[in-house]
N, C-alpha and C. Protein backbone atom coordinates (compact mmCIF):
# COMPACT_ATOMS: atom_id res chain seq x y z
N MET A 1 -16.21 -76.44 -39.92
CA MET A 1 -15.07 -77.08 -40.16
C MET A 1 -14.70 -76.87 -40.96
N LYS A 2 -16.00 -76.30 -42.33
CA LYS A 2 -15.16 -76.03 -43.89
C LYS A 2 -14.86 -75.23 -43.53
N ASN A 3 -14.39 -73.90 -42.92
CA ASN A 3 -14.18 -72.58 -43.18
C ASN A 3 -12.37 -72.73 -43.27
N LEU A 4 -12.49 -73.67 -42.40
CA LEU A 4 -10.44 -73.64 -41.96
C LEU A 4 -9.69 -74.63 -42.71
N SER A 5 -10.31 -74.98 -44.01
CA SER A 5 -10.23 -76.23 -44.37
C SER A 5 -8.82 -75.62 -45.60
N PHE A 6 -8.85 -74.46 -45.98
CA PHE A 6 -7.75 -73.58 -46.61
C PHE A 6 -6.74 -74.01 -45.93
N PHE A 7 -6.50 -73.88 -44.96
CA PHE A 7 -5.32 -73.87 -43.81
C PHE A 7 -4.30 -75.40 -44.55
N LEU A 8 -5.24 -76.36 -44.58
CA LEU A 8 -4.32 -77.75 -45.23
C LEU A 8 -4.36 -77.69 -46.62
N LEU A 9 -4.11 -76.57 -47.38
CA LEU A 9 -3.86 -75.95 -49.16
C LEU A 9 -2.36 -75.96 -48.56
N ALA A 10 -1.60 -76.63 -50.16
CA ALA A 10 -0.91 -75.71 -50.25
C ALA A 10 -0.26 -75.29 -50.31
N ASP A 11 -1.01 -74.51 -50.92
CA ASP A 11 -0.99 -72.84 -51.24
C ASP A 11 -1.89 -71.61 -51.01
N GLY A 12 -2.71 -72.62 -49.98
CA GLY A 12 -3.53 -71.34 -49.05
C GLY A 12 -5.03 -71.01 -49.78
N PRO A 13 -5.49 -70.01 -48.98
CA PRO A 13 -6.57 -69.64 -50.15
C PRO A 13 -6.59 -68.82 -50.96
N SER A 14 -7.46 -69.29 -51.85
CA SER A 14 -6.80 -68.33 -53.04
C SER A 14 -7.66 -66.63 -53.19
N TRP A 15 -8.08 -66.45 -52.06
CA TRP A 15 -8.09 -64.55 -51.94
C TRP A 15 -6.51 -64.32 -52.52
N THR A 16 -6.12 -65.25 -51.57
CA THR A 16 -4.53 -64.55 -51.59
C THR A 16 -3.73 -63.95 -52.50
N TRP A 17 -4.58 -65.26 -54.04
CA TRP A 17 -3.41 -64.88 -55.44
C TRP A 17 -4.56 -63.52 -55.49
N ILE A 18 -5.58 -63.79 -55.74
CA ILE A 18 -6.34 -62.73 -56.47
C ILE A 18 -5.91 -61.82 -55.37
N ILE A 19 -6.11 -60.90 -54.40
CA ILE A 19 -4.79 -59.68 -53.43
C ILE A 19 -4.13 -59.69 -54.31
N LEU A 20 -2.85 -60.63 -54.65
CA LEU A 20 -1.63 -59.82 -54.60
C LEU A 20 -1.57 -59.71 -56.75
N ASN A 21 -2.54 -59.92 -57.27
CA ASN A 21 -2.82 -59.64 -58.33
C ASN A 21 -3.60 -58.19 -58.60
N LEU A 22 -3.98 -58.12 -57.91
CA LEU A 22 -5.05 -56.48 -57.53
C LEU A 22 -4.02 -55.63 -56.45
N LEU A 23 -3.42 -55.74 -55.84
CA LEU A 23 -2.54 -54.98 -55.43
C LEU A 23 -1.72 -53.98 -56.24
N PRO A 24 -1.90 -52.75 -55.83
CA PRO A 24 -0.88 -51.87 -57.27
C PRO A 24 0.89 -51.93 -56.98
N ILE A 25 1.42 -53.46 -56.86
CA ILE A 25 2.70 -53.25 -56.17
C ILE A 25 3.29 -53.52 -57.60
N GLU A 26 4.84 -53.00 -57.21
CA GLU A 26 5.59 -53.29 -58.71
C GLU A 26 6.03 -54.69 -59.13
N PRO A 27 5.88 -55.18 -60.42
CA PRO A 27 5.39 -56.14 -61.28
C PRO A 27 6.76 -57.73 -60.34
N ASP A 28 8.09 -56.69 -60.04
CA ASP A 28 9.25 -57.68 -59.66
C ASP A 28 8.86 -58.06 -58.20
N LEU A 29 7.58 -57.08 -57.47
CA LEU A 29 8.05 -57.78 -56.09
C LEU A 29 6.21 -58.60 -55.75
N GLN A 30 5.39 -58.22 -57.37
CA GLN A 30 4.30 -58.93 -57.23
C GLN A 30 5.06 -60.34 -57.97
N TYR A 31 5.09 -60.33 -58.65
CA TYR A 31 6.07 -61.75 -59.29
C TYR A 31 6.40 -62.80 -58.36
N ALA A 32 7.94 -61.60 -57.37
CA ALA A 32 7.94 -62.92 -56.31
C ALA A 32 6.78 -63.37 -55.22
N ALA A 33 6.05 -62.74 -54.89
CA ALA A 33 5.21 -63.27 -54.02
C ALA A 33 4.23 -64.34 -54.87
N LEU A 34 3.78 -64.20 -56.36
CA LEU A 34 3.27 -65.15 -56.80
C LEU A 34 4.19 -66.55 -56.67
N MET A 35 5.20 -66.46 -57.04
CA MET A 35 5.91 -67.71 -57.27
C MET A 35 6.80 -68.24 -55.78
N SER A 36 6.45 -67.56 -54.34
CA SER A 36 6.40 -67.82 -52.97
C SER A 36 5.83 -68.81 -52.60
N GLN A 37 5.99 -70.63 -53.02
CA GLN A 37 5.45 -71.59 -52.01
C GLN A 37 4.83 -71.46 -50.35
N SER A 38 5.12 -70.15 -49.66
CA SER A 38 4.84 -70.29 -48.71
C SER A 38 3.51 -69.09 -48.37
N PHE A 39 2.15 -69.54 -47.63
CA PHE A 39 1.54 -69.22 -47.57
C PHE A 39 1.85 -67.78 -46.59
N ARG A 40 2.40 -67.77 -45.88
CA ARG A 40 2.73 -66.45 -44.52
C ARG A 40 3.67 -66.37 -45.23
N THR A 41 4.71 -66.03 -46.51
CA THR A 41 5.13 -65.80 -46.96
C THR A 41 4.46 -64.36 -47.98
N ARG A 42 3.51 -64.99 -48.35
CA ARG A 42 2.64 -64.08 -49.08
C ARG A 42 1.52 -63.44 -48.60
N LEU A 43 1.20 -64.14 -46.71
CA LEU A 43 0.27 -63.13 -46.36
C LEU A 43 0.99 -62.35 -45.77
N GLN A 44 2.56 -62.19 -45.54
CA GLN A 44 3.46 -61.12 -44.73
C GLN A 44 3.84 -59.95 -46.66
N MET A 45 4.01 -60.50 -47.26
CA MET A 45 4.22 -59.37 -48.41
C MET A 45 2.61 -58.68 -48.75
N ILE A 46 1.51 -58.95 -48.61
CA ILE A 46 0.28 -58.54 -48.63
C ILE A 46 -0.11 -57.47 -47.53
N ASN A 47 0.57 -57.69 -46.80
CA ASN A 47 0.51 -56.92 -45.52
C ASN A 47 1.51 -55.78 -45.59
N ASN A 48 2.55 -56.13 -46.00
CA ASN A 48 3.93 -54.83 -46.34
C ASN A 48 3.07 -54.04 -47.22
N ALA A 49 2.64 -54.86 -48.05
CA ALA A 49 1.85 -53.77 -49.20
C ALA A 49 0.45 -52.47 -49.20
N ILE A 50 -0.25 -53.46 -48.40
CA ILE A 50 -1.13 -52.91 -47.38
C ILE A 50 -0.64 -51.36 -46.60
N ASP A 51 0.13 -51.76 -45.62
CA ASP A 51 0.80 -50.80 -44.98
C ASP A 51 1.70 -49.88 -46.13
N PHE A 52 2.77 -50.18 -46.79
CA PHE A 52 2.43 -48.99 -47.32
C PHE A 52 2.05 -48.19 -48.26
N LEU A 53 1.25 -49.28 -48.95
CA LEU A 53 -0.45 -47.81 -49.17
C LEU A 53 -0.84 -47.02 -48.05
N LEU A 54 -1.12 -47.46 -46.64
CA LEU A 54 -1.96 -46.91 -45.86
C LEU A 54 -1.10 -45.31 -45.39
N ASN A 55 0.28 -45.48 -45.21
CA ASN A 55 1.31 -45.51 -44.93
C ASN A 55 0.94 -44.09 -45.88
N GLN A 56 1.37 -44.19 -47.35
CA GLN A 56 1.39 -43.47 -48.11
C GLN A 56 0.05 -42.31 -48.33
N GLU A 57 -0.85 -42.75 -48.17
CA GLU A 57 -2.03 -42.13 -48.05
C GLU A 57 -1.92 -41.21 -46.88
N GLN A 58 -1.34 -41.77 -46.26
CA GLN A 58 -2.15 -40.64 -44.84
C GLN A 58 -0.69 -39.60 -44.77
N GLU A 59 0.05 -40.22 -45.49
CA GLU A 59 1.15 -39.00 -46.11
C GLU A 59 0.62 -37.70 -46.71
N GLU A 60 0.27 -38.70 -47.45
CA GLU A 60 -0.57 -36.92 -48.42
C GLU A 60 -1.52 -36.33 -47.44
N THR A 61 -1.82 -37.28 -47.38
CA THR A 61 -3.21 -36.58 -46.43
C THR A 61 -2.52 -35.33 -45.17
N THR A 62 -1.90 -35.93 -44.89
CA THR A 62 -0.53 -35.08 -43.83
C THR A 62 -0.43 -33.69 -45.05
N ASP A 63 0.16 -33.99 -45.59
CA ASP A 63 1.04 -32.51 -46.61
C ASP A 63 -0.24 -31.92 -47.26
N SER A 64 -0.91 -32.15 -47.40
CA SER A 64 -2.88 -31.76 -47.94
C SER A 64 -2.79 -30.58 -47.43
N THR A 65 -3.12 -31.18 -45.66
CA THR A 65 -3.56 -29.96 -44.53
C THR A 65 -2.22 -28.93 -44.44
N ILE A 66 -1.32 -29.80 -44.26
CA ILE A 66 -0.13 -28.83 -44.14
C ILE A 66 0.19 -27.49 -44.98
N ASP A 67 -0.39 -27.95 -46.46
CA ASP A 67 -0.23 -26.94 -47.39
C ASP A 67 -1.85 -25.86 -47.33
N GLU A 68 -2.80 -26.57 -46.83
CA GLU A 68 -3.94 -25.46 -45.93
C GLU A 68 -3.56 -24.04 -44.94
N ILE A 69 -2.94 -25.00 -44.14
CA ILE A 69 -2.20 -23.75 -43.09
C ILE A 69 -1.67 -22.73 -43.30
């Protein structure tokens, strides 16, 4: 049960703060995420940033494959 106790914290688990500091996102977006009081909002921002990075990586891979053909 101890693992679920972070849901009771007002700020959520500490890993969300660490991830937000490590993600290569624009400072304004990072600031907005860090200032957010909603755990759900921070999770959504992390998800959006990771989705963006994955899509960007996929586009770069596709572009390089097209260049090889």
